């Protein structure tokens, strides 16, 4: 089964009212599901209390000022703030970050993909709860740029 087919199936599932899809081809089985896995334990519950749905994250991110920069998900998957369950998050609200610093990871198809800062500044908001499903382009964090 090729990766392009799997990605197309993921997009179709996301747009449809179907919650789960299972396909077997040449002995290879794939199961896609819209259901969210149980969140991993987090060292901080502050992000989960401030996190909401994609619409909430988009609405709060759209209010960003000129010095604020929104970090968005580059691909759909599961958002994690820390490298492993029970470990400290990569960053907290208020943390100073440099361009290129790892802020979080997105798990997609069992691959851990880094979310990195693309500017220097201070993390002013985290829009997504640890363990939440994210879609490509969804706001994850806001960084107040430093001059």
C-alpha atoms as a PDB file:
ATOM      1  CA  UNK A   1       0.000   0.000   0.000  1.00  0.00           C
ATOM      2  CA  UNK A   2       1.546   3.296  -0.983  1.00  0.00           C
ATOM      3  CA  UNK A   3       1.799   6.404   1.178  1.00  0.00           C
ATOM      4  CA  UNK A   4      -0.138   8.558  -1.323  1.00  0.00           C
ATOM      5  CA  UNK A   5      -3.137   6.247  -1.065  1.00  0.00           C
ATOM      6  CA  UNK A   6      -3.033   6.356   2.728  1.00  0.00           C
ATOM      7  CA  UNK A   7      -2.810  10.173   2.734  1.00  0.00           C
ATOM      8  CA  UNK A   8      -5.770  10.412   0.306  1.00  0.00           C
ATOM      9  CA  UNK A   9      -7.774   8.056   2.513  1.00  0.00           C
ATOM     10  CA  UNK A  10      -6.944  10.197   5.566  1.00  0.00           C
ATOM     11  CA  UNK A  11      -8.186  13.350   3.795  1.00  0.00           C
ATOM     12  CA  UNK A  12     -11.359  11.615   2.610  1.00  0.00           C
ATOM     13  CA  UNK A  13     -12.072  10.282   6.089  1.00  0.00           C
ATOM     14  CA  UNK A  14     -11.534  13.713   7.630  1.00  0.00           C
ATOM     15  CA  UNK A  15     -14.063  15.315   5.243  1.00  0.00           C
ATOM     16  CA  UNK A  16     -16.666  12.538   5.533  1.00  0.00           C
ATOM     17  CA  UNK A  17     -19.213  11.678   8.214  1.00  0.00           C
ATOM     18  CA  UNK A  18     -17.644   8.210   8.561  1.00  0.00           C
ATOM     19  CA  UNK A  19     -15.684   7.764  11.825  1.00  0.00           C
ATOM     20  CA  UNK A  20     -13.624   4.708  10.934  1.00  0.00           C
ATOM     21  CA  UNK A  21     -12.265   3.033   7.813  1.00  0.00           C
ATOM     22  CA  UNK A  22     -10.533  -0.337   7.495  1.00  0.00           C
ATOM     23  CA  UNK A  23      -8.881  -1.576   4.306  1.00  0.00           C
ATOM     24  CA  UNK A  24      -6.938  -4.745   3.493  1.00  0.00           C
ATOM     25  CA  UNK A  25      -4.858  -4.956   0.334  1.00  0.00           C
ATOM     26  CA  UNK A  26      -2.337  -7.683  -0.576  1.00  0.00           C
ATOM     27  CA  UNK A  27      -2.079  -8.827   3.038  1.00  0.00           C
ATOM     28  CA  UNK A  28      -1.535  -5.301   4.374  1.00  0.00           C
ATOM     29  CA  UNK A  29      -4.236  -4.009   6.726  1.00  0.00           C
ATOM     30  CA  UNK A  30      -4.779  -0.361   7.583  1.00  0.00           C
ATOM     31  CA  UNK A  31      -7.350   1.092   9.963  1.00  0.00           C
ATOM     32  CA  UNK A  32      -8.048   4.820  10.099  1.00  0.00           C
ATOM     33  CA  UNK A  33     -10.210   6.323  12.816  1.00  0.00           C
ATOM     34  CA  UNK A  34     -11.376   9.822  13.728  1.00  0.00           C
ATOM     35  CA  UNK A  35     -11.639   8.951  17.401  1.00  0.00           C
ATOM     36  CA  UNK A  36      -9.152  10.698  19.655  1.00  0.00           C
ATOM     37  CA  UNK A  37      -6.847   8.539  21.722  1.00  0.00           C
ATOM     38  CA  UNK A  38      -6.861   9.121  25.465  1.00  0.00           C
ATOM     39  CA  UNK A  39      -4.523  12.009  26.317  1.00  0.00           C
ATOM     40  CA  UNK A  40      -1.130  11.111  27.672  1.00  0.00           C
ATOM     41  CA  UNK A  41      -0.362  12.172  31.247  1.00  0.00           C
ATOM     42  CA  UNK A  42       1.115  15.640  31.237  1.00  0.00           C
ATOM     43  CA  UNK A  43       3.397  17.402  33.673  1.00  0.00           C
ATOM     44  CA  UNK A  44       1.151  20.452  33.328  1.00  0.00           C
ATOM     45  CA  UNK A  45      -2.601  20.525  33.122  1.00  0.00           C
ATOM     46  CA  UNK A  46      -2.622  24.234  32.305  1.00  0.00           C
ATOM     47  CA  UNK A  47      -2.496  23.601  28.563  1.00  0.00           C
ATOM     48  CA  UNK A  48      -5.377  21.166  28.670  1.00  0.00           C
ATOM     49  CA  UNK A  49      -7.563  23.639  30.539  1.00  0.00           C
ATOM     50  CA  UNK A  50      -6.783  26.406  28.047  1.00  0.00           C
ATOM     51  CA  UNK A  51      -7.052  24.157  24.999  1.00  0.00           C
ATOM     52  CA  UNK A  52     -10.202  23.715  22.989  1.00  0.00           C
ATOM     53  CA  UNK A  53     -11.465  22.618  19.643  1.00  0.00           C
ATOM     54  CA  UNK A  54      -9.936  23.532  16.310  1.00  0.00           C
ATOM     55  CA  UNK A  55     -12.462  26.360  16.014  1.00  0.00           C
ATOM     56  CA  UNK A  56     -11.499  27.708  19.455  1.00  0.00           C
ATOM     57  CA  UNK A  57      -7.796  27.552  18.565  1.00  0.00           C
ATOM     58  CA  UNK A  58      -8.375  29.268  15.233  1.00  0.00           C
ATOM     59  CA  UNK A  59     -10.498  31.989  16.826  1.00  0.00           C
ATOM     60  CA  UNK A  60      -7.937  32.750  19.539  1.00  0.00           C
ATOM     61  CA  UNK A  61      -5.059  32.653  17.051  1.00  0.00           C
ATOM     62  CA  UNK A  62      -6.830  35.015  14.639  1.00  0.00           C
ATOM     63  CA  UNK A  63      -6.724  37.686  17.350  1.00  0.00           C
ATOM     64  CA  UNK A  64      -2.902  37.731  17.202  1.00  0.00           C
ATOM     65  CA  UNK A  65      -1.280  41.149  17.138  1.00  0.00           C
ATOM     66  CA  UNK A  66       1.474  42.358  14.793  1.00  0.00           C
ATOM     67  CA  UNK A  67       4.301  41.173  17.085  1.00  0.00           C
ATOM     68  CA  UNK A  68       2.667  37.783  17.572  1.00  0.00           C
ATOM     69  CA  UNK A  69       3.511  34.810  15.379  1.00  0.00           C
ATOM     70  CA  UNK A  70       1.314  31.720  15.124  1.00  0.00           C
ATOM     71  CA  UNK A  71       2.955  28.283  14.937  1.00  0.00           C
ATOM     72  CA  UNK A  72       0.682  25.965  12.942  1.00  0.00           C
ATOM     73  CA  UNK A  73       0.612  22.201  12.442  1.00  0.00           C
ATOM     74  CA  UNK A  74       2.387  21.170   9.271  1.00  0.00           C
ATOM     75  CA  UNK A  75       0.509  17.882   9.034  1.00  0.00           C
ATOM     76  CA  UNK A  76      -2.423  16.083  10.649  1.00  0.00           C
ATOM     77  CA  UNK A  77      -1.693  13.862  13.633  1.00  0.00           C
ATOM     78  CA  UNK A  78      -1.546  13.780  17.427  1.00  0.00           C
ATOM     79  CA  UNK A  79       0.031  16.753  19.227  1.00  0.00           C
ATOM     80  CA  UNK A  80       2.383  16.070  22.137  1.00  0.00           C
ATOM     81  CA  UNK A  81       4.050  18.727  24.294  1.00  0.00           C
ATOM     82  CA  UNK A  82       6.707  16.391  25.729  1.00  0.00           C
ATOM     83  CA  UNK A  83       9.030  13.766  24.240  1.00  0.00           C
ATOM     84  CA  UNK A  84       7.579  10.947  26.401  1.00  0.00           C
ATOM     85  CA  UNK A  85       4.642  10.573  28.793  1.00  0.00           C
ATOM     86  CA  UNK A  86       5.494  11.938  32.237  1.00  0.00           C
ATOM     87  CA  UNK A  87       8.447  14.005  31.013  1.00  0.00           C
ATOM     88  CA  UNK A  88       8.611  17.783  31.121  1.00  0.00           C
ATOM     89  CA  UNK A  89       7.109  19.623  28.126  1.00  0.00           C
ATOM     90  CA  UNK A  90       9.472  21.030  25.504  1.00  0.00           C
ATOM     91  CA  UNK A  91       8.203  24.542  26.359  1.00  0.00           C
ATOM     92  CA  UNK A  92       5.786  26.233  28.753  1.00  0.00           C
ATOM     93  CA  UNK A  93       3.904  29.510  28.390  1.00  0.00           C
ATOM     94  CA  UNK A  94       6.402  32.288  29.063  1.00  0.00           C
ATOM     95  CA  UNK A  95       9.430  30.349  27.774  1.00  0.00           C
ATOM     96  CA  UNK A  96      11.933  32.226  25.623  1.00  0.00           C
ATOM     97  CA  UNK A  97      12.607  30.360  22.378  1.00  0.00           C
ATOM     98  CA  UNK A  98      15.109  30.743  19.566  1.00  0.00           C
ATOM     99  CA  UNK A  99      14.488  30.111  15.891  1.00  0.00           C
ATOM    100  CA  UNK A 100      14.702  26.344  15.314  1.00  0.00           C
ATOM    101  CA  UNK A 101      13.973  25.264  18.894  1.00  0.00           C
ATOM    102  CA  UNK A 102      11.765  22.179  19.230  1.00  0.00           C
ATOM    103  CA  UNK A 103       8.414  23.194  20.720  1.00  0.00           C
ATOM    104  CA  UNK A 104       6.420  19.951  20.464  1.00  0.00           C
ATOM    105  CA  UNK A 105       5.963  16.873  18.319  1.00  0.00           C
ATOM    106  CA  UNK A 106       3.171  15.617  16.083  1.00  0.00           C
ATOM    107  CA  UNK A 107       2.775  11.876  15.751  1.00  0.00           C
ATOM    108  CA  UNK A 108       1.563  10.891  12.297  1.00  0.00           C
ATOM    109  CA  UNK A 109       1.525   7.283  11.118  1.00  0.00           C
ATOM    110  CA  UNK A 110       3.804   6.208  14.003  1.00  0.00           C
ATOM    111  CA  UNK A 111       6.403   8.832  13.021  1.00  0.00           C
ATOM    112  CA  UNK A 112       7.340  11.616  15.453  1.00  0.00           C
ATOM    113  CA  UNK A 113       7.586  14.918  13.579  1.00  0.00           C
ATOM    114  CA  UNK A 114       9.135  17.927  15.349  1.00  0.00           C
ATOM    115  CA  UNK A 115       7.297  21.238  15.649  1.00  0.00           C
ATOM    116  CA  UNK A 116       9.977  23.921  15.666  1.00  0.00           C
ATOM    117  CA  UNK A 117       9.940  27.655  16.262  1.00  0.00           C
ATOM    118  CA  UNK A 118      10.460  29.654  13.086  1.00  0.00           C
ATOM    119  CA  UNK A 119      11.191  32.891  14.951  1.00  0.00           C
ATOM    120  CA  UNK A 120      12.687  34.005  18.247  1.00  0.00           C
ATOM    121  CA  UNK A 121      10.425  35.184  21.043  1.00  0.00           C
ATOM    122  CA  UNK A 122       8.360  34.234  24.081  1.00  0.00           C
ATOM    123  CA  UNK A 123       5.639  31.556  24.033  1.00  0.00           C
ATOM    124  CA  UNK A 124       2.467  33.485  24.912  1.00  0.00           C
ATOM    125  CA  UNK A 125      -0.182  30.801  24.298  1.00  0.00           C
ATOM    126  CA  UNK A 126      -0.553  27.096  23.684  1.00  0.00           C
ATOM    127  CA  UNK A 127      -3.779  26.497  21.771  1.00  0.00           C
ATOM    128  CA  UNK A 128      -3.919  22.683  21.788  1.00  0.00           C
ATOM    129  CA  UNK A 129      -4.103  20.137  24.614  1.00  0.00           C
ATOM    130  CA  UNK A 130      -1.457  17.459  24.953  1.00  0.00           C
ATOM    131  CA  UNK A 131      -2.624  14.329  23.144  1.00  0.00           C
ATOM    132  CA  UNK A 132      -5.177  16.170  20.982  1.00  0.00           C
ATOM    133  CA  UNK A 133      -5.712  15.458  17.300  1.00  0.00           C
ATOM    134  CA  UNK A 134      -4.627  18.282  15.014  1.00  0.00           C
ATOM    135  CA  UNK A 135      -5.105  18.994  11.337  1.00  0.00           C
ATOM    136  CA  UNK A 136      -2.679  20.646   8.935  1.00  0.00           C
ATOM    137  CA  UNK A 137      -2.736  24.431   9.341  1.00  0.00           C
ATOM    138  CA  UNK A 138      -4.283  24.316  12.824  1.00  0.00           C
ATOM    139  CA  UNK A 139      -2.807  26.903  15.239  1.00  0.00           C
ATOM    140  CA  UNK A 140      -0.671  25.243  17.927  1.00  0.00           C
ATOM    141  CA  UNK A 141       1.157  28.062  19.732  1.00  0.00           C
ATOM    142  CA  UNK A 142       1.568  31.823  19.688  1.00  0.00           C
ATOM    143  CA  UNK A 143       5.008  33.383  20.009  1.00  0.00           C
ATOM    144  CA  UNK A 144       5.518  37.062  20.823  1.00  0.00           C
ATOM    145  CA  UNK A 145       8.424  37.997  18.573  1.00  0.00           C
ATOM    146  CA  UNK A 146      11.470  39.655  20.105  1.00  0.00           C
ATOM    147  CA  UNK A 147      13.059  42.500  18.173  1.00  0.00           C
END
